[in-house]
Amino acid sequence: DEAAARAGDLLEKVGIGRDRAGDYPHEFSGGMRQRAMIALALACGPGLVVADEPTTALDVMIQAQIVDLLGALRTELGMSLVLITHDLGVVAESCDRAAVMYGGVIVEQGTIAEVFRAPQHPYTRLLLAAFPDIDEPGRPLASIPGTPPRLDEMPPGCRFAPRCPDAFERCAAERPPAYPLGPRRETACFLAEPARQGAADG
């Protein structure tokens, strides 16, 4: 049967024996279930795969295997991959570009090197400061004061303004546009406004 053969091929591609095609989900480990979902996502030969929290609830070793698998499949199949994740380590290891979101809005985007080495939005800076750094063991982790906004009660201006240490009056009243910082690099923060940048440089 063509469908069964295709299912077996896809399972083998993600590291599961084709003889497991008839097994039930409860007979698979968490990592195997994640691999089976990846195989399912590849079934129609997509040019783009969106992986939403692909490593959540997996132990560290299995997380690494899933990330490596996604990277290998991306190269082998020539597809694009969008990762949606809270795991900055996965982003740094697996992605070419990053878009940082807060309150449903992209607040900064750029290459991995740009975003991680020179974050321009206050939320990005605080987010990175809250993440452990193997080069600085023992460094106290920063915390972001306050709580995220409710989706049905978003503030009228910048959505991060109530928690932002750099916020000023305009931030609470107006939503900042995305200011370009370079080729395909931008941030939605009034601190990056050209007029303010010029005044700071002067």
N, C-alpha and C. Protein backbone atom coordinates (compact mmCIF):
# COMPACT_ATOMS: atom_id res chain seq x y z
N ASP A 1 0.85 -1.19 0.00
CA ASP A 1 0.00 0.00 0.00
C ASP A 1 0.89 1.24 0.00
N GLU A 2 0.61 2.16 -0.92
CA GLU A 2 1.47 3.34 -1.11
C GLU A 2 1.53 4.22 0.13
N ALA A 3 0.38 4.43 0.79
CA ALA A 3 0.34 5.28 1.97
C ALA A 3 1.18 4.69 3.11
N ALA A 4 1.08 3.38 3.30
CA ALA A 4 1.85 2.74 4.36
C ALA A 4 3.35 2.83 4.08
N ALA A 5 3.72 2.67 2.81
CA ALA A 5 5.13 2.77 2.44
C ALA A 5 5.64 4.18 2.67
N ARG A 6 4.81 5.17 2.33
CA ARG A 6 5.20 6.57 2.53
C ARG A 6 5.36 6.87 4.02
N ALA A 7 4.44 6.36 4.84
CA ALA A 7 4.53 6.56 6.29
C ALA A 7 5.81 5.94 6.83
N GLY A 8 6.15 4.75 6.36
CA GLY A 8 7.38 4.10 6.80
C GLY A 8 8.61 4.89 6.40
N ASP A 9 8.61 5.42 5.17
CA ASP A 9 9.74 6.23 4.70
C ASP A 9 9.93 7.47 5.57
N LEU A 10 8.82 8.13 5.91
CA LEU A 10 8.89 9.35 6.71
C LEU A 10 9.38 9.05 8.12
N LEU A 11 8.91 7.96 8.70
CA LEU A 11 9.37 7.59 10.03
C LEU A 11 10.86 7.29 10.03
N GLU A 12 11.34 6.60 9.01
CA GLU A 12 12.77 6.32 8.92
C GLU A 12 13.58 7.60 8.78
N LYS A 13 13.02 8.57 8.07
CA LYS A 13 13.72 9.84 7.87
C LYS A 13 13.96 10.56 9.19
N VAL A 14 13.05 10.36 10.16
CA VAL A 14 13.22 11.02 11.45
C VAL A 14 13.78 10.08 12.52
N GLY A 15 14.28 8.92 12.09
CA GLY A 15 14.98 8.04 13.02
C GLY A 15 14.12 7.03 13.75
N ILE A 16 12.95 6.72 13.22
CA ILE A 16 12.08 5.70 13.81
C ILE A 16 11.93 4.56 12.80
N GLY A 17 12.04 3.33 13.26
CA GLY A 17 11.92 2.18 12.37
C GLY A 17 10.54 2.12 11.72
N ARG A 18 10.51 1.74 10.43
CA ARG A 18 9.24 1.71 9.72
C ARG A 18 8.27 0.68 10.30
N ASP A 19 8.80 -0.28 11.04
CA ASP A 19 7.94 -1.29 11.64
C ASP A 19 7.09 -0.72 12.79
N ARG A 20 7.38 0.54 13.21
CA ARG A 20 6.60 1.16 14.28
C ARG A 20 5.42 1.96 13.74
N ALA A 21 5.20 1.93 12.44
CA ALA A 21 4.14 2.76 11.83
C ALA A 21 2.75 2.42 12.36
N GLY A 22 2.54 1.19 12.79
CA GLY A 22 1.22 0.81 13.28
C GLY A 22 1.05 0.96 14.78
N ASP A 23 2.08 1.46 15.46
CA ASP A 23 2.01 1.59 16.92
C ASP A 23 1.15 2.79 17.33
N TYR A 24 0.65 2.73 18.55
CA TYR A 24 -0.15 3.82 19.10
C TYR A 24 0.75 4.84 19.79
N PRO A 25 0.28 6.10 19.92
CA PRO A 25 1.11 7.13 20.56
C PRO A 25 1.60 6.76 21.95
N HIS A 26 0.77 6.08 22.76
CA HIS A 26 1.19 5.75 24.13
C HIS A 26 2.32 4.72 24.15
N GLU A 27 2.61 4.12 23.01
CA GLU A 27 3.71 3.16 22.93
C GLU A 27 5.03 3.84 22.57
N PHE A 28 4.99 5.14 22.31
CA PHE A 28 6.19 5.91 21.98
C PHE A 28 6.63 6.73 23.20
N SER A 29 7.93 6.99 23.28
CA SER A 29 8.44 7.92 24.28
C SER A 29 8.11 9.35 23.83
N GLY A 30 8.36 10.32 24.72
CA GLY A 30 8.10 11.72 24.35
C GLY A 30 8.89 12.15 23.14
N GLY A 31 10.17 11.77 23.11
CA GLY A 31 11.01 12.13 21.97
C GLY A 31 10.54 11.49 20.68
N MET A 32 10.09 10.24 20.76
CA MET A 32 9.60 9.55 19.56
C MET A 32 8.30 10.18 19.06
N ARG A 33 7.44 10.60 20.00
CA ARG A 33 6.21 11.27 19.58
C ARG A 33 6.53 12.57 18.86
N GLN A 34 7.54 13.28 19.36
CA GLN A 34 7.93 14.52 18.70
C GLN A 34 8.48 14.24 17.30
N ARG A 35 9.26 13.19 17.16
CA ARG A 35 9.78 12.80 15.85
C ARG A 35 8.65 12.41 14.90
N ALA A 36 7.65 11.69 15.44
CA ALA A 36 6.51 11.30 14.61
C ALA A 36 5.75 12.53 14.12
N MET A 37 5.63 13.55 14.96
CA MET A 37 4.96 14.79 14.55
C MET A 37 5.75 15.50 13.46
N ILE A 38 7.07 15.45 13.57
CA ILE A 38 7.91 16.05 12.52
C ILE A 38 7.70 15.30 11.21
N ALA A 39 7.65 13.97 11.28
CA ALA A 39 7.40 13.17 10.07
C ALA A 39 6.06 13.54 9.46
N LEU A 40 5.05 13.73 10.29
CA LEU A 40 3.73 14.12 9.81
C LEU A 40 3.78 15.48 9.12
N ALA A 41 4.54 16.40 9.70
CA ALA A 41 4.66 17.74 9.11
C ALA A 41 5.34 17.70 7.74
N LEU A 42 6.18 16.69 7.52
CA LEU A 42 6.92 16.58 6.25
C LEU A 42 6.14 15.82 5.18
N ALA A 43 5.00 15.27 5.54
CA ALA A 43 4.29 14.35 4.64
C ALA A 43 3.95 14.95 3.29
N CYS A 44 3.63 16.22 3.25
CA CYS A 44 3.22 16.85 1.98
C CYS A 44 4.36 17.60 1.30
N GLY A 45 5.57 17.39 1.76
CA GLY A 45 6.72 18.04 1.14
C GLY A 45 6.69 19.55 1.22
N PRO A 46 6.48 20.14 2.40
CA PRO A 46 6.34 21.60 2.51
C PRO A 46 7.66 22.32 2.25
N GLY A 47 7.55 23.55 1.75
CA GLY A 47 8.73 24.39 1.61
C GLY A 47 9.02 25.14 2.89
N LEU A 48 8.03 25.21 3.78
CA LEU A 48 8.17 25.91 5.06
C LEU A 48 7.52 25.07 6.16
N VAL A 49 8.25 24.87 7.24
CA VAL A 49 7.72 24.18 8.41
C VAL A 49 7.77 25.14 9.59
N VAL A 50 6.64 25.29 10.29
CA VAL A 50 6.57 26.11 11.50
C VAL A 50 6.55 25.16 12.69
N ALA A 51 7.58 25.21 13.51
CA ALA A 51 7.69 24.33 14.68
C ALA A 51 7.44 25.16 15.93
N ASP A 52 6.29 24.95 16.56
CA ASP A 52 5.90 25.72 17.75
C ASP A 52 6.32 24.96 19.01
N GLU A 53 7.30 25.52 19.72
CA GLU A 53 7.84 24.91 20.94
C GLU A 53 8.19 23.43 20.74
N PRO A 54 9.06 23.12 19.78
CA PRO A 54 9.34 21.71 19.46
C PRO A 54 10.11 20.96 20.55
N THR A 55 10.71 21.69 21.51
CA THR A 55 11.50 21.00 22.53
C THR A 55 10.87 21.07 23.92
N THR A 56 9.68 21.62 24.03
CA THR A 56 9.03 21.73 25.33
C THR A 56 8.74 20.35 25.93
N ALA A 57 8.97 20.23 27.24
CA ALA A 57 8.68 19.02 28.02
C ALA A 57 9.58 17.84 27.66
N LEU A 58 10.68 18.10 26.96
CA LEU A 58 11.65 17.04 26.65
C LEU A 58 12.90 17.26 27.49
N ASP A 59 13.59 16.17 27.86
CA ASP A 59 14.83 16.35 28.62
C ASP A 59 15.91 16.91 27.71
N VAL A 60 17.00 17.38 28.32
CA VAL A 60 18.02 18.13 27.59
C VAL A 60 18.61 17.32 26.44
N MET A 61 18.89 16.05 26.66
CA MET A 61 19.48 15.22 25.61
C MET A 61 18.53 15.05 24.43
N ILE A 62 17.25 14.82 24.71
CA ILE A 62 16.28 14.66 23.64
C ILE A 62 16.06 15.99 22.92
N GLN A 63 16.07 17.09 23.68
CA GLN A 63 15.96 18.41 23.05
C GLN A 63 17.04 18.59 21.99
N ALA A 64 18.28 18.26 22.36
CA ALA A 64 19.40 18.41 21.43
C ALA A 64 19.20 17.54 20.20
N GLN A 65 18.70 16.34 20.38
CA GLN A 65 18.47 15.45 19.24
C GLN A 65 17.41 16.01 18.30
N ILE A 66 16.34 16.57 18.87
CA ILE A 66 15.27 17.13 18.04
C ILE A 66 15.77 18.35 17.27
N VAL A 67 16.54 19.20 17.94
CA VAL A 67 17.09 20.38 17.27
C VAL A 67 18.02 19.97 16.14
N ASP A 68 18.88 18.98 16.40
CA ASP A 68 19.80 18.49 15.36
C ASP A 68 19.02 17.89 14.19
N LEU A 69 17.97 17.15 14.51
CA LEU A 69 17.14 16.53 13.46
C LEU A 69 16.50 17.59 12.58
N LEU A 70 15.92 18.62 13.19
CA LEU A 70 15.28 19.68 12.41
C LEU A 70 16.30 20.38 11.51
N GLY A 71 17.50 20.62 12.04
CA GLY A 71 18.53 21.26 11.24
C GLY A 71 18.97 20.40 10.07
N ALA A 72 19.12 19.10 10.32
CA ALA A 72 19.52 18.18 9.25
C ALA A 72 18.45 18.08 8.17
N LEU A 73 17.19 18.02 8.58
CA LEU A 73 16.10 17.93 7.61
C LEU A 73 15.99 19.22 6.80
N ARG A 74 16.20 20.35 7.45
CA ARG A 74 16.15 21.62 6.73
C ARG A 74 17.18 21.64 5.61
N THR A 75 18.39 21.16 5.92
CA THR A 75 19.45 21.13 4.91
C THR A 75 19.15 20.10 3.82
N GLU A 76 18.76 18.91 4.25
CA GLU A 76 18.52 17.81 3.30
C GLU A 76 17.36 18.11 2.35
N LEU A 77 16.29 18.67 2.87
CA LEU A 77 15.09 18.88 2.06
C LEU A 77 15.00 20.28 1.46
N GLY A 78 15.93 21.15 1.82
CA GLY A 78 15.93 22.50 1.27
C GLY A 78 14.72 23.32 1.67
N MET A 79 14.22 23.07 2.87
CA MET A 79 13.03 23.78 3.33
C MET A 79 13.41 24.90 4.28
N SER A 80 12.49 25.84 4.46
CA SER A 80 12.68 26.88 5.47
C SER A 80 12.03 26.42 6.77
N LEU A 81 12.57 26.90 7.87
CA LEU A 81 12.09 26.47 9.18
C LEU A 81 11.89 27.69 10.07
N VAL A 82 10.70 27.82 10.64
CA VAL A 82 10.41 28.87 11.62
C VAL A 82 10.22 28.20 12.97
N LEU A 83 11.06 28.57 13.93
CA LEU A 83 10.94 28.03 15.29
C LEU A 83 10.25 29.07 16.17
N ILE A 84 9.22 28.65 16.87
CA ILE A 84 8.57 29.49 17.87
C ILE A 84 8.94 28.88 19.22
N THR A 85 9.71 29.61 20.02
CA THR A 85 10.21 29.02 21.26
C THR A 85 10.59 30.09 22.27
N HIS A 86 10.57 29.69 23.55
CA HIS A 86 11.07 30.54 24.62
C HIS A 86 12.51 30.17 24.98
N ASP A 87 13.05 29.15 24.34
CA ASP A 87 14.38 28.65 24.67
C ASP A 87 15.43 29.39 23.84
N LEU A 88 16.11 30.33 24.47
CA LEU A 88 17.09 31.14 23.75
C LEU A 88 18.28 30.30 23.28
N GLY A 89 18.59 29.24 24.01
CA GLY A 89 19.67 28.36 23.59
C GLY A 89 19.36 27.69 22.27
N VAL A 90 18.13 27.24 22.10
CA VAL A 90 17.70 26.63 20.84
C VAL A 90 17.78 27.64 19.71
N VAL A 91 17.35 28.87 19.98
CA VAL A 91 17.40 29.92 18.96
C VAL A 91 18.84 30.18 18.54
N ALA A 92 19.72 30.35 19.51
CA ALA A 92 21.12 30.66 19.21
C ALA A 92 21.79 29.56 18.41
N GLU A 93 21.44 28.32 18.71
CA GLU A 93 22.09 27.17 18.07
C GLU A 93 21.52 26.87 16.69
N SER A 94 20.23 27.14 16.49
CA SER A 94 19.54 26.60 15.33
C SER A 94 19.17 27.60 14.25
N CYS A 95 19.13 28.87 14.58
CA CYS A 95 18.52 29.85 13.67
C CYS A 95 19.54 30.78 13.03
N ASP A 96 19.17 31.32 11.88
CA ASP A 96 19.98 32.34 11.22
C ASP A 96 19.56 33.73 11.64
N ARG A 97 18.24 33.88 11.87
CA ARG A 97 17.67 35.17 12.25
C ARG A 97 16.73 34.97 13.44
N ALA A 98 16.50 36.06 14.17
CA ALA A 98 15.58 36.00 15.31
C ALA A 98 14.64 37.19 15.26
N ALA A 99 13.38 36.93 15.61
CA ALA A 99 12.39 37.99 15.80
C ALA A 99 11.88 37.84 17.23
N VAL A 100 12.06 38.87 18.03
CA VAL A 100 11.66 38.84 19.44
C VAL A 100 10.27 39.46 19.55
N MET A 101 9.36 38.73 20.18
CA MET A 101 7.98 39.21 20.32
C MET A 101 7.66 39.49 21.78
N TYR A 102 6.84 40.52 21.97
CA TYR A 102 6.30 40.81 23.30
C TYR A 102 4.86 41.28 23.12
N GLY A 103 3.95 40.66 23.82
CA GLY A 103 2.55 41.05 23.72
C GLY A 103 1.99 40.91 22.32
N GLY A 104 2.49 39.91 21.58
CA GLY A 104 1.98 39.67 20.23
C GLY A 104 2.55 40.57 19.16
N VAL A 105 3.55 41.38 19.50
CA VAL A 105 4.16 42.32 18.55
C VAL A 105 5.65 42.04 18.44
N ILE A 106 6.19 42.05 17.24
CA ILE A 106 7.63 41.91 17.06
C ILE A 106 8.29 43.22 17.50
N VAL A 107 9.16 43.14 18.50
CA VAL A 107 9.81 44.34 19.02
C VAL A 107 11.24 44.49 18.51
N GLU A 108 11.81 43.41 18.00
CA GLU A 108 13.17 43.49 17.46
C GLU A 108 13.42 42.30 16.56
N GLN A 109 14.16 42.53 15.48
CA GLN A 109 14.58 41.41 14.65
C GLN A 109 15.90 41.72 13.97
N GLY A 110 16.62 40.66 13.68
CA GLY A 110 17.91 40.78 13.03
C GLY A 110 18.57 39.41 12.97
N THR A 111 19.83 39.39 12.58
CA THR A 111 20.56 38.12 12.59
C THR A 111 20.77 37.68 14.04
N ILE A 112 21.10 36.42 14.22
CA ILE A 112 21.35 35.91 15.57
C ILE A 112 22.47 36.71 16.23
N ALA A 113 23.54 36.97 15.51
CA ALA A 113 24.66 37.72 16.08
C ALA A 113 24.23 39.12 16.49
N GLU A 114 23.45 39.79 15.65
CA GLU A 114 23.00 41.15 15.96
C GLU A 114 22.13 41.18 17.21
N VAL A 115 21.16 40.30 17.26
CA VAL A 115 20.20 40.32 18.37
C VAL A 115 20.86 39.89 19.68
N PHE A 116 21.71 38.87 19.64
CA PHE A 116 22.30 38.36 20.88
C PHE A 116 23.47 39.21 21.36
N ARG A 117 24.24 39.78 20.44
CA ARG A 117 25.42 40.54 20.86
C ARG A 117 25.13 42.02 21.08
N ALA A 118 24.15 42.55 20.38
CA ALA A 118 23.86 43.98 20.50
C ALA A 118 22.35 44.22 20.50
N PRO A 119 21.63 43.71 21.50
CA PRO A 119 20.18 43.90 21.54
C PRO A 119 19.84 45.38 21.66
N GLN A 120 18.82 45.80 20.93
CA GLN A 120 18.46 47.22 20.88
C GLN A 120 17.16 47.54 21.61
N HIS A 121 16.32 46.57 21.82
CA HIS A 121 15.06 46.83 22.53
C HIS A 121 15.24 46.47 24.01
N PRO A 122 14.70 47.29 24.91
CA PRO A 122 14.84 46.99 26.35
C PRO A 122 14.36 45.59 26.73
N TYR A 123 13.28 45.12 26.11
CA TYR A 123 12.80 43.78 26.44
C TYR A 123 13.82 42.72 26.04
N THR A 124 14.41 42.87 24.86
CA THR A 124 15.42 41.90 24.41
C THR A 124 16.61 41.89 25.36
N ARG A 125 17.05 43.07 25.78
CA ARG A 125 18.19 43.15 26.71
C ARG A 125 17.88 42.44 28.03
N LEU A 126 16.68 42.70 28.56
CA LEU A 126 16.31 42.07 29.83
C LEU A 126 16.11 40.57 29.67
N LEU A 127 15.56 40.16 28.54
CA LEU A 127 15.35 38.73 28.29
C LEU A 127 16.69 37.99 28.25
N LEU A 128 17.66 38.56 27.57
CA LEU A 128 18.98 37.93 27.48
C LEU A 128 19.69 37.95 28.84
N ALA A 129 19.48 39.01 29.61
CA ALA A 129 20.12 39.10 30.93
C ALA A 129 19.53 38.09 31.91
N ALA A 130 18.32 37.62 31.62
CA ALA A 130 17.68 36.63 32.49
C ALA A 130 18.06 35.20 32.13
N PHE A 131 18.89 35.04 31.11
CA PHE A 131 19.26 33.71 30.62
C PHE A 131 20.67 33.37 31.10
N PRO A 132 20.90 32.17 31.64
CA PRO A 132 22.25 31.81 32.12
C PRO A 132 23.28 31.87 31.00
N ASP A 133 24.49 32.29 31.34
CA ASP A 133 25.59 32.39 30.37
C ASP A 133 26.72 31.49 30.85
N ILE A 134 27.11 30.51 30.01
CA ILE A 134 28.16 29.58 30.43
C ILE A 134 29.51 30.28 30.58
N ASP A 135 29.67 31.46 29.95
CA ASP A 135 30.92 32.20 30.08
C ASP A 135 30.98 32.99 31.39
N GLU A 136 29.84 33.12 32.07
CA GLU A 136 29.79 33.86 33.33
C GLU A 136 29.07 33.03 34.40
N PRO A 137 29.66 31.92 34.80
CA PRO A 137 29.00 31.10 35.83
C PRO A 137 28.88 31.88 37.14
N GLY A 138 27.76 31.73 37.78
CA GLY A 138 27.54 32.42 39.04
C GLY A 138 26.99 33.82 38.89
N ARG A 139 26.88 34.30 37.65
CA ARG A 139 26.32 35.65 37.47
C ARG A 139 24.85 35.66 37.87
N PRO A 140 24.45 36.62 38.71
CA PRO A 140 23.03 36.69 39.08
C PRO A 140 22.17 36.94 37.85
N LEU A 141 21.07 36.23 37.77
CA LEU A 141 20.17 36.41 36.63
C LEU A 141 19.24 37.59 36.89
N ALA A 142 19.05 38.38 35.86
CA ALA A 142 18.15 39.53 35.98
C ALA A 142 16.71 39.04 35.92
N SER A 143 15.82 39.82 36.48
CA SER A 143 14.40 39.52 36.37
C SER A 143 13.70 40.74 35.79
N ILE A 144 12.61 40.49 35.09
CA ILE A 144 11.84 41.58 34.49
C ILE A 144 10.71 41.93 35.45
N PRO A 145 10.67 43.16 35.95
CA PRO A 145 9.62 43.51 36.92
C PRO A 145 8.23 43.49 36.29
N GLY A 146 7.22 43.32 37.13
CA GLY A 146 5.85 43.36 36.64
C GLY A 146 5.42 42.05 36.01
N THR A 147 4.28 42.09 35.35
CA THR A 147 3.72 40.90 34.69
C THR A 147 3.34 41.23 33.26
N PRO A 148 3.32 40.24 32.37
CA PRO A 148 2.91 40.48 30.99
C PRO A 148 1.47 40.99 30.94
N PRO A 149 1.14 41.79 29.92
CA PRO A 149 -0.22 42.32 29.82
C PRO A 149 -1.22 41.24 29.43
N ARG A 150 -2.45 41.42 29.85
CA ARG A 150 -3.52 40.53 29.39
C ARG A 150 -3.81 40.85 27.93
N LEU A 151 -4.08 39.82 27.16
CA LEU A 151 -4.31 40.02 25.72
C LEU A 151 -5.56 40.85 25.45
N ASP A 152 -6.50 40.87 26.40
CA ASP A 152 -7.71 41.66 26.20
C ASP A 152 -7.62 43.04 26.86
N GLU A 153 -6.46 43.36 27.44
CA GLU A 153 -6.27 44.67 28.07
C GLU A 153 -4.87 45.20 27.77
N MET A 154 -4.54 45.29 26.51
CA MET A 154 -3.23 45.78 26.12
C MET A 154 -3.11 47.29 26.39
N PRO A 155 -1.95 47.74 26.86
CA PRO A 155 -1.76 49.18 27.06
C PRO A 155 -1.82 49.91 25.73
N PRO A 156 -2.21 51.18 25.73
CA PRO A 156 -2.39 51.91 24.46
C PRO A 156 -1.10 52.21 23.72
N GLY A 157 0.00 52.35 24.42
CA GLY A 157 1.26 52.66 23.77
C GLY A 157 2.09 51.42 23.54
N CYS A 158 3.37 51.52 23.82
CA CYS A 158 4.24 50.35 23.73
C CYS A 158 3.77 49.31 24.73
N ARG A 159 3.65 48.09 24.31
CA ARG A 159 3.12 47.05 25.19
C ARG A 159 4.08 46.69 26.32
N PHE A 160 5.32 47.04 26.15
CA PHE A 160 6.30 46.75 27.20
C PHE A 160 6.49 47.93 28.16
N ALA A 161 5.92 49.08 27.83
CA ALA A 161 6.16 50.31 28.60
C ALA A 161 5.92 50.15 30.11
N PRO A 162 4.84 49.48 30.56
CA PRO A 162 4.62 49.38 32.01
C PRO A 162 5.74 48.64 32.75
N ARG A 163 6.54 47.86 32.06
CA ARG A 163 7.60 47.08 32.70
C ARG A 163 9.00 47.58 32.32
N CYS A 164 9.06 48.58 31.46
CA CYS A 164 10.33 48.99 30.86
C CYS A 164 11.08 49.99 31.75
N PRO A 165 12.34 49.73 32.08
CA PRO A 165 13.12 50.67 32.89
C PRO A 165 13.51 51.93 32.14
N ASP A 166 13.40 51.91 30.81
CA ASP A 166 13.79 53.07 30.00
C ASP A 166 12.59 53.86 29.48
N ALA A 167 11.38 53.50 29.90
CA ALA A 167 10.18 54.13 29.35
C ALA A 167 10.08 55.60 29.76
N PHE A 168 9.54 56.41 28.86
CA PHE A 168 9.23 57.80 29.16
C PHE A 168 7.79 58.06 28.72
N GLU A 169 7.32 59.28 28.89
CA GLU A 169 5.89 59.58 28.74
C GLU A 169 5.32 59.14 27.40
N ARG A 170 6.04 59.36 26.34
CA ARG A 170 5.53 59.02 25.00
C ARG A 170 5.27 57.52 24.85
N CYS A 171 6.08 56.72 25.52
CA CYS A 171 5.94 55.26 25.39
C CYS A 171 4.57 54.77 25.84
N ALA A 172 3.99 55.43 26.85
CA ALA A 172 2.70 55.01 27.38
C ALA A 172 1.54 55.45 26.51
N ALA A 173 1.79 56.42 25.62
CA ALA A 173 0.69 56.99 24.82
C ALA A 173 0.70 56.54 23.37
N GLU A 174 1.87 56.28 22.81
CA GLU A 174 1.98 55.95 21.39
C GLU A 174 2.66 54.59 21.22
N ARG A 175 2.23 53.89 20.19
CA ARG A 175 2.89 52.62 19.86
C ARG A 175 4.05 52.90 18.91
N PRO A 176 5.25 52.55 19.26
CA PRO A 176 6.39 52.85 18.40
C PRO A 176 6.38 52.03 17.12
N PRO A 177 6.75 52.66 16.00
CA PRO A 177 6.89 51.89 14.76
C PRO A 177 8.20 51.10 14.79
N ALA A 178 8.41 50.30 13.78
CA ALA A 178 9.67 49.55 13.67
C ALA A 178 10.69 50.45 12.98
N TYR A 179 11.71 50.85 13.72
CA TYR A 179 12.75 51.71 13.16
C TYR A 179 13.86 50.85 12.56
N PRO A 180 14.24 51.13 11.30
CA PRO A 180 15.32 50.34 10.68
C PRO A 180 16.67 50.68 11.33
N LEU A 181 17.44 49.65 11.57
CA LEU A 181 18.78 49.80 12.14
C LEU A 181 19.87 49.35 11.18
N GLY A 182 19.45 48.78 10.06
CA GLY A 182 20.38 48.25 9.08
C GLY A 182 19.61 47.33 8.15
N PRO A 183 20.31 46.67 7.25
CA PRO A 183 19.63 45.74 6.33
C PRO A 183 18.89 44.64 7.10
N ARG A 184 17.57 44.61 6.97
CA ARG A 184 16.74 43.58 7.62
C ARG A 184 16.94 43.55 9.14
N ARG A 185 17.25 44.70 9.71
CA ARG A 185 17.45 44.83 11.16
C ARG A 185 16.60 45.99 11.65
N GLU A 186 15.74 45.76 12.65
CA GLU A 186 14.87 46.82 13.12
C GLU A 186 14.44 46.57 14.56
N THR A 187 13.97 47.65 15.20
CA THR A 187 13.42 47.54 16.54
C THR A 187 12.27 48.52 16.70
N ALA A 188 11.26 48.10 17.43
CA ALA A 188 10.09 48.95 17.69
C ALA A 188 10.26 49.61 19.05
N CYS A 189 11.09 50.65 19.09
CA CYS A 189 11.37 51.36 20.34
C CYS A 189 11.70 52.80 20.01
N PHE A 190 11.10 53.74 20.75
CA PHE A 190 11.35 55.16 20.50
C PHE A 190 12.81 55.53 20.77
N LEU A 191 13.52 54.74 21.55
CA LEU A 191 14.93 55.02 21.79
C LEU A 191 15.76 54.90 20.52
N ALA A 192 15.22 54.16 19.54
CA ALA A 192 15.93 53.98 18.26
C ALA A 192 15.48 54.98 17.21
N GLU A 193 14.59 55.90 17.57
CA GLU A 193 14.11 56.91 16.61
C GLU A 193 15.30 57.72 16.10
N PRO A 194 15.39 57.94 14.79
CA PRO A 194 16.56 58.65 14.25
C PRO A 194 16.84 59.98 14.93
N ALA A 195 15.80 60.76 15.25
CA ALA A 195 16.01 62.06 15.89
C ALA A 195 16.67 61.91 17.26
N ARG A 196 16.24 60.91 18.03
CA ARG A 196 16.83 60.68 19.34
C ARG A 196 18.25 60.14 19.21
N GLN A 197 18.46 59.28 18.21
CA GLN A 197 19.79 58.76 17.98
C GLN A 197 20.76 59.88 17.61
N GLY A 198 20.28 60.80 16.76
CA GLY A 198 21.11 61.92 16.36
C GLY A 198 21.46 62.81 17.53
N ALA A 199 20.48 63.05 18.41
CA ALA A 199 20.72 63.88 19.58
C ALA A 199 21.71 63.22 20.53
N ALA A 200 21.59 61.89 20.67
CA ALA A 200 22.50 61.16 21.55
C ALA A 200 23.92 61.17 21.00
N ASP A 201 24.04 61.04 19.67
CA ASP A 201 25.36 61.03 19.05
C ASP A 201 26.01 62.41 19.10
N GLY A 202 25.16 63.45 19.04
CA GLY A 202 25.67 64.82 19.01
C GLY A 202 26.09 65.26 20.40
